[in-house]
């Protein structure tokens, strides 16, 4: 197949490119904004036709959660309109689409892991625009797969893990939120799951993916420092109220992965095991 990857310079896009070398039965077209403007429907359709694209993995998004609150128009363009353009264009060719979404489509008031069937209730611009993007993709592309993920990190790009390693080496003390609960997701593991879906064949629907297990941002930071050998920085637990942000964060965003595991026969690593792999690369 000829497969278009959007957002190739991001965390997930970079991990996808590494795994492409192990999936040489397909041809990949890795693009970011320089190669393809996904907010331009005509440009998308011309690109898909020129390269005879069979499927799309949309890793591109506006992910600056706090900046989204003051850049709603741009966030809407990238997270809601662009996925619609991609879905419409690939449907015209009879192809498939995998679209990456987020735990922010929920408000975080659950106390048990979120399943794909639960009602969405985003409480931020980022979450609302990502939900509209999901709905647009499902409506416009019959062979579409939505994968919601959370707390994404990688050895590529800017992310929480790399920031905590840097700050841990620079400072003697750090305050980190302890009352927001979720599961970190190593982008490499998500990329592996995406290739499993591509190679088995897309089963349309909404899926959840993160690593296994549950933690808080505070405990995540403690694990990062331990695995990175950082012993001189004291990590202090903070309430969310002590660290106000423009965008509301879900207090509980643990995702139930049963559906994706059963549908594609995949095993998902424990979050701390994957974190150790990433820290080695850093």
Protein backbone atom coordinates (compact mmCIF):
# COMPACT_ATOMS: atom_id res chain seq x y z
CA UNK A 1 0.00 0.00 0.00
CA UNK A 2 0.92 3.64 -0.40
CA UNK A 3 0.47 5.27 3.02
CA UNK A 4 0.46 8.97 3.89
CA UNK A 5 1.80 9.89 7.34
CA UNK A 6 0.99 13.44 8.46
CA UNK A 7 2.79 15.20 11.30
CA UNK A 8 5.96 13.23 10.59
CA UNK A 9 8.18 15.60 12.59
CA UNK A 10 6.26 15.09 15.83
CA UNK A 11 6.81 12.49 18.54
CA UNK A 12 4.57 9.84 17.03
CA UNK A 13 5.51 10.70 13.44
CA UNK A 14 9.19 10.17 14.19
CA UNK A 15 8.50 6.83 15.87
CA UNK A 16 6.41 5.80 12.85
CA UNK A 17 9.34 6.56 10.56
CA UNK A 18 11.66 4.31 12.58
CA UNK A 19 9.21 1.42 12.35
CA UNK A 20 8.65 1.90 8.62
CA UNK A 21 12.03 0.23 8.13
CA UNK A 22 10.55 -2.96 9.61
CA UNK A 23 7.39 -2.74 7.49
CA UNK A 24 8.93 -2.50 4.03
CA UNK A 25 5.94 -4.13 2.32
CA UNK A 26 4.38 -0.65 2.15
CA UNK A 27 5.51 2.67 0.68
CA UNK A 28 5.35 5.69 2.99
CA UNK A 29 4.96 9.38 2.28
CA UNK A 30 6.05 11.22 5.42
CA UNK A 31 4.80 14.78 5.46
CA UNK A 32 4.65 17.79 7.70
CA UNK A 33 3.41 21.27 6.87
CA UNK A 34 6.35 21.89 4.51
CA UNK A 35 5.40 18.93 2.31
CA UNK A 36 1.61 19.08 2.62
CA UNK A 37 -0.74 21.72 4.04
CA UNK A 38 -3.52 19.60 5.53
CA UNK A 39 -5.71 22.69 5.97
CA UNK A 40 -5.90 22.95 2.16
CA UNK A 41 -8.41 20.46 0.75
CA UNK A 42 -7.31 20.92 -2.86
CA UNK A 43 -3.69 20.28 -1.92
CA UNK A 44 -4.66 17.10 -0.06
CA UNK A 45 -6.68 15.70 -2.96
CA UNK A 46 -3.92 16.49 -5.46
CA UNK A 47 -1.30 14.81 -3.22
CA UNK A 48 -3.40 11.68 -2.71
CA UNK A 49 -4.07 11.32 -6.43
CA UNK A 50 -0.48 12.00 -7.46
CA UNK A 51 0.91 9.37 -5.11
CA UNK A 52 -2.02 6.89 -5.37
CA UNK A 53 -2.49 6.92 -1.58
CA UNK A 54 -4.37 3.92 -0.11
CA UNK A 55 -4.42 4.97 3.54
CA UNK A 56 -3.65 7.83 5.90
CA UNK A 57 -2.25 7.91 9.44
CA UNK A 58 -3.01 11.39 10.76
CA UNK A 59 -0.51 12.24 13.52
CA UNK A 60 -0.78 16.00 12.94
CA UNK A 61 -2.57 18.20 15.48
CA UNK A 62 -2.49 21.40 17.49
CA UNK A 63 -1.39 19.93 20.82
CA UNK A 64 -0.41 23.00 22.88
CA UNK A 65 -3.29 22.60 25.31
CA UNK A 66 -2.96 25.94 27.09
CA UNK A 67 -2.20 27.93 23.92
CA UNK A 68 -5.36 26.47 22.40
CA UNK A 69 -7.44 28.54 24.81
CA UNK A 70 -6.28 31.75 23.07
CA UNK A 71 -5.78 30.27 19.58
CA UNK A 72 -9.15 28.62 19.11
CA UNK A 73 -9.41 29.40 15.38
CA UNK A 74 -6.08 27.75 14.55
CA UNK A 75 -6.85 24.84 16.87
CA UNK A 76 -10.20 24.34 15.11
CA UNK A 77 -8.47 24.44 11.73
CA UNK A 78 -5.86 21.80 12.57
CA UNK A 79 -7.83 19.52 14.91
CA UNK A 80 -11.33 19.61 13.39
CA UNK A 81 -11.27 20.89 9.79
CA UNK A 82 -8.03 19.28 8.56
CA UNK A 83 -9.08 15.74 9.63
CA UNK A 84 -12.35 16.29 7.74
CA UNK A 85 -10.44 17.25 4.58
CA UNK A 86 -8.20 14.16 4.90
CA UNK A 87 -11.16 11.85 5.55
CA UNK A 88 -13.14 13.21 2.62
CA UNK A 89 -10.18 12.88 0.26
CA UNK A 90 -9.29 9.30 1.20
CA UNK A 91 -12.94 8.21 1.13
CA UNK A 92 -13.11 9.46 -2.47
CA UNK A 93 -10.29 7.02 -3.25
CA UNK A 94 -11.93 4.14 -1.33
CA UNK A 95 -9.11 4.12 1.23
CA UNK A 96 -8.78 3.98 5.00
CA UNK A 97 -7.71 6.41 7.72
CA UNK A 98 -6.25 6.15 11.23
CA UNK A 99 -6.77 9.34 13.23
CA UNK A 100 -5.03 10.00 16.55
CA UNK A 101 -7.16 11.61 19.25
CA UNK A 102 -6.94 12.25 22.98
CA UNK A 103 -8.19 11.56 26.49
CA UNK A 104 -9.18 15.26 26.62
CA UNK A 105 -12.50 14.35 24.95
CA UNK A 106 -13.50 13.33 28.51
CA UNK A 107 -13.83 15.70 31.47
CA UNK A 108 -11.92 13.40 33.82
CA UNK A 109 -14.62 12.91 36.44
CA UNK A 110 -14.65 9.09 36.19
CA UNK A 111 -13.14 6.85 38.85
CA UNK A 112 -12.87 3.77 36.62
CA UNK A 113 -11.09 3.50 33.23
CA UNK A 114 -12.89 5.13 30.32
CA UNK A 115 -14.25 2.80 27.63
CA UNK A 116 -14.85 3.84 24.04
CA UNK A 117 -18.64 3.77 24.52
CA UNK A 118 -18.79 6.34 27.32
CA UNK A 119 -20.21 9.78 26.71
CA UNK A 120 -17.66 12.41 25.80
CA UNK A 121 -17.57 15.72 27.66
CA UNK A 122 -14.54 17.86 26.81
CA UNK A 123 -13.91 20.92 28.98
CA UNK A 124 -11.13 22.65 27.01
CA UNK A 125 -10.72 24.12 23.52
CA UNK A 126 -8.22 21.39 22.72
CA UNK A 127 -10.60 18.63 23.82
CA UNK A 128 -13.59 20.13 22.00
CA UNK A 129 -11.73 20.55 18.70
CA UNK A 130 -10.28 17.04 18.90
CA UNK A 131 -13.76 15.60 19.48
CA UNK A 132 -15.12 17.44 16.42
CA UNK A 133 -12.19 16.02 14.44
CA UNK A 134 -13.10 12.48 15.57
CA UNK A 135 -16.73 12.93 14.55
CA UNK A 136 -15.77 14.41 11.17
CA UNK A 137 -13.47 11.50 10.37
CA UNK A 138 -16.07 8.90 11.33
CA UNK A 139 -18.74 10.66 9.30
CA UNK A 140 -16.66 11.16 6.15
CA UNK A 141 -14.57 7.97 5.95
CA UNK A 142 -16.22 4.57 6.25
CA UNK A 143 -12.92 2.73 6.90
CA UNK A 144 -11.75 4.98 9.73
CA UNK A 145 -10.13 4.11 13.03
CA UNK A 146 -9.93 6.64 15.86
CA UNK A 147 -7.22 5.98 18.47
CA UNK A 148 -7.46 8.03 21.66
CA UNK A 149 -4.24 8.21 23.63
CA UNK A 150 -2.92 10.07 26.68
CA UNK A 151 0.25 11.45 28.28
CA UNK A 152 2.32 10.86 25.14
CA UNK A 153 6.11 11.01 25.34
CA UNK A 154 9.10 9.96 23.23
CA UNK A 155 12.82 10.45 22.80
CA UNK A 156 11.79 12.88 20.03
CA UNK A 157 10.35 16.39 20.40
CA UNK A 158 9.32 18.24 23.52
CA UNK A 159 7.46 16.30 26.19
CA UNK A 160 7.02 15.80 29.92
CA UNK A 161 9.73 13.14 30.26
CA UNK A 162 12.44 15.23 28.63
CA UNK A 163 11.37 18.33 30.57
CA UNK A 164 11.50 16.50 33.92
CA UNK A 165 14.95 15.08 33.11
CA UNK A 166 16.22 18.56 32.23
CA UNK A 167 14.67 20.26 35.27
CA UNK A 168 15.80 17.46 37.56
CA UNK A 169 19.39 18.11 36.53
CA UNK A 170 19.04 21.90 36.80
CA UNK A 171 17.11 22.32 40.04
CA UNK A 172 17.28 21.18 43.63
CA UNK A 173 13.48 21.05 44.03
CA UNK A 174 10.43 20.60 41.79
CA UNK A 175 6.70 20.75 42.48
CA UNK A 176 4.57 18.31 40.44
CA UNK A 177 0.80 17.64 40.42
CA UNK A 178 -0.18 14.52 42.37
CA UNK A 179 -4.00 14.63 42.06
CA UNK A 180 -4.25 14.05 38.30
CA UNK A 181 -4.26 10.34 37.48
CA UNK A 182 -3.63 8.64 34.15
CA UNK A 183 -1.25 6.45 32.20
CA UNK A 184 1.84 7.56 30.27
CA UNK A 185 2.09 6.42 26.65
CA UNK A 186 5.42 5.75 24.96
CA UNK A 187 4.93 6.89 21.37
CA UNK A 188 6.97 3.91 20.16
CA UNK A 189 4.38 1.51 21.64
CA UNK A 190 1.54 3.44 20.00
CA UNK A 191 3.36 3.27 16.65
CA UNK A 192 3.70 -0.51 17.04
CA UNK A 193 -0.06 -0.75 17.64
CA UNK A 194 -0.78 1.38 14.56
CA UNK A 195 1.31 -0.90 12.37
CA UNK A 196 -0.50 -3.92 13.84
CA UNK A 197 -3.79 -2.37 12.73
CA UNK A 198 -2.46 -1.52 9.25
CA UNK A 199 -1.07 -5.02 8.68
CA UNK A 200 -4.11 -6.86 10.04
CA UNK A 201 -6.59 -4.55 8.28
CA UNK A 202 -8.54 -1.62 9.62
CA UNK A 203 -11.57 -2.54 11.74
CA UNK A 204 -13.50 0.76 11.83
CA UNK A 205 -14.37 2.31 15.18
CA UNK A 206 -13.02 4.16 18.20
CA UNK A 207 -10.19 2.63 20.23
CA UNK A 208 -8.20 3.55 23.32
CA UNK A 209 -4.45 3.10 23.67
CA UNK A 210 -1.98 3.94 26.41
CA UNK A 211 0.53 1.82 28.26
CA UNK A 212 -0.68 -0.46 31.03
CA UNK A 213 -0.97 0.64 34.63
CA UNK A 214 -1.91 3.83 36.42
CA UNK A 215 0.10 6.67 37.96
CA UNK A 216 0.05 10.40 38.80
CA UNK A 217 2.24 13.14 37.33
CA UNK A 218 4.11 13.21 40.65
CA UNK A 219 4.80 9.47 40.66
CA UNK A 220 5.65 9.61 36.95
CA UNK A 221 8.28 12.25 37.72
CA UNK A 222 9.71 10.20 40.59
CA UNK A 223 10.09 7.23 38.22
CA UNK A 224 11.69 9.42 35.53
CA UNK A 225 14.28 10.71 37.99
CA UNK A 226 15.01 7.27 39.42
CA UNK A 227 15.52 5.74 35.97
CA UNK A 228 17.60 8.71 34.80
CA UNK A 229 19.83 8.50 37.89
CA UNK A 230 18.78 11.92 39.18
CA UNK A 231 19.17 11.98 42.98
CA UNK A 232 19.86 15.66 43.77
CA UNK A 233 16.37 17.03 43.00
CA UNK A 234 13.59 16.80 45.58
CA UNK A 235 10.14 16.30 44.00
CA UNK A 236 7.30 17.86 45.99
CA UNK A 237 3.61 16.91 45.42
CA UNK A 238 1.24 19.73 44.40
CA UNK A 239 -2.54 19.99 44.28
CA UNK A 240 -3.97 21.07 40.92
CA UNK A 241 -5.22 24.22 42.66
CA UNK A 242 -1.60 25.15 43.44
CA UNK A 243 -0.64 25.09 39.75
CA UNK A 244 -3.44 26.81 37.79
CA UNK A 245 -3.36 26.55 33.99
CA UNK A 246 -5.44 28.23 31.25
CA UNK A 247 -6.90 24.88 30.13
CA UNK A 248 -8.63 22.47 32.50
CA UNK A 249 -6.92 19.08 32.79
CA UNK A 250 -8.81 15.82 33.37
CA UNK A 251 -8.30 14.67 36.96
CA UNK A 252 -8.73 11.04 35.90
CA UNK A 253 -7.94 9.95 32.36
CA UNK A 254 -7.15 6.24 32.59
CA UNK A 255 -8.22 4.54 29.35
CA UNK A 256 -9.57 0.99 29.04
CA UNK A 257 -7.57 -0.80 26.30
CA UNK A 258 -9.58 -4.03 26.14
CA UNK A 259 -11.05 -3.32 22.68
CA UNK A 260 -7.79 -2.66 20.84
CA UNK A 261 -6.07 -5.62 22.54
CA UNK A 262 -8.84 -8.03 21.58
CA UNK A 263 -9.39 -6.69 18.06
CA UNK A 264 -5.75 -6.71 16.99
CA UNK A 265 -4.27 -9.32 19.33
CA UNK A 266 -1.67 -6.96 20.74
CA UNK A 267 0.09 -6.94 24.11
CA UNK A 268 0.68 -3.55 25.69
CA UNK A 269 3.77 -2.96 27.86
CA UNK A 270 3.61 -1.66 31.44
CA UNK A 271 4.23 2.08 31.57
CA UNK A 272 7.37 1.93 33.70
CA UNK A 273 9.01 -0.71 31.48
CA UNK A 274 8.45 1.49 28.43
CA UNK A 275 9.68 4.56 30.30
CA UNK A 276 12.93 2.72 31.05
CA UNK A 277 13.37 2.01 27.33
CA UNK A 278 12.89 5.66 26.47
CA UNK A 279 15.24 6.90 29.21
CA UNK A 280 17.98 4.61 27.82
CA UNK A 281 17.64 6.36 24.44
CA UNK A 282 17.85 9.77 26.07
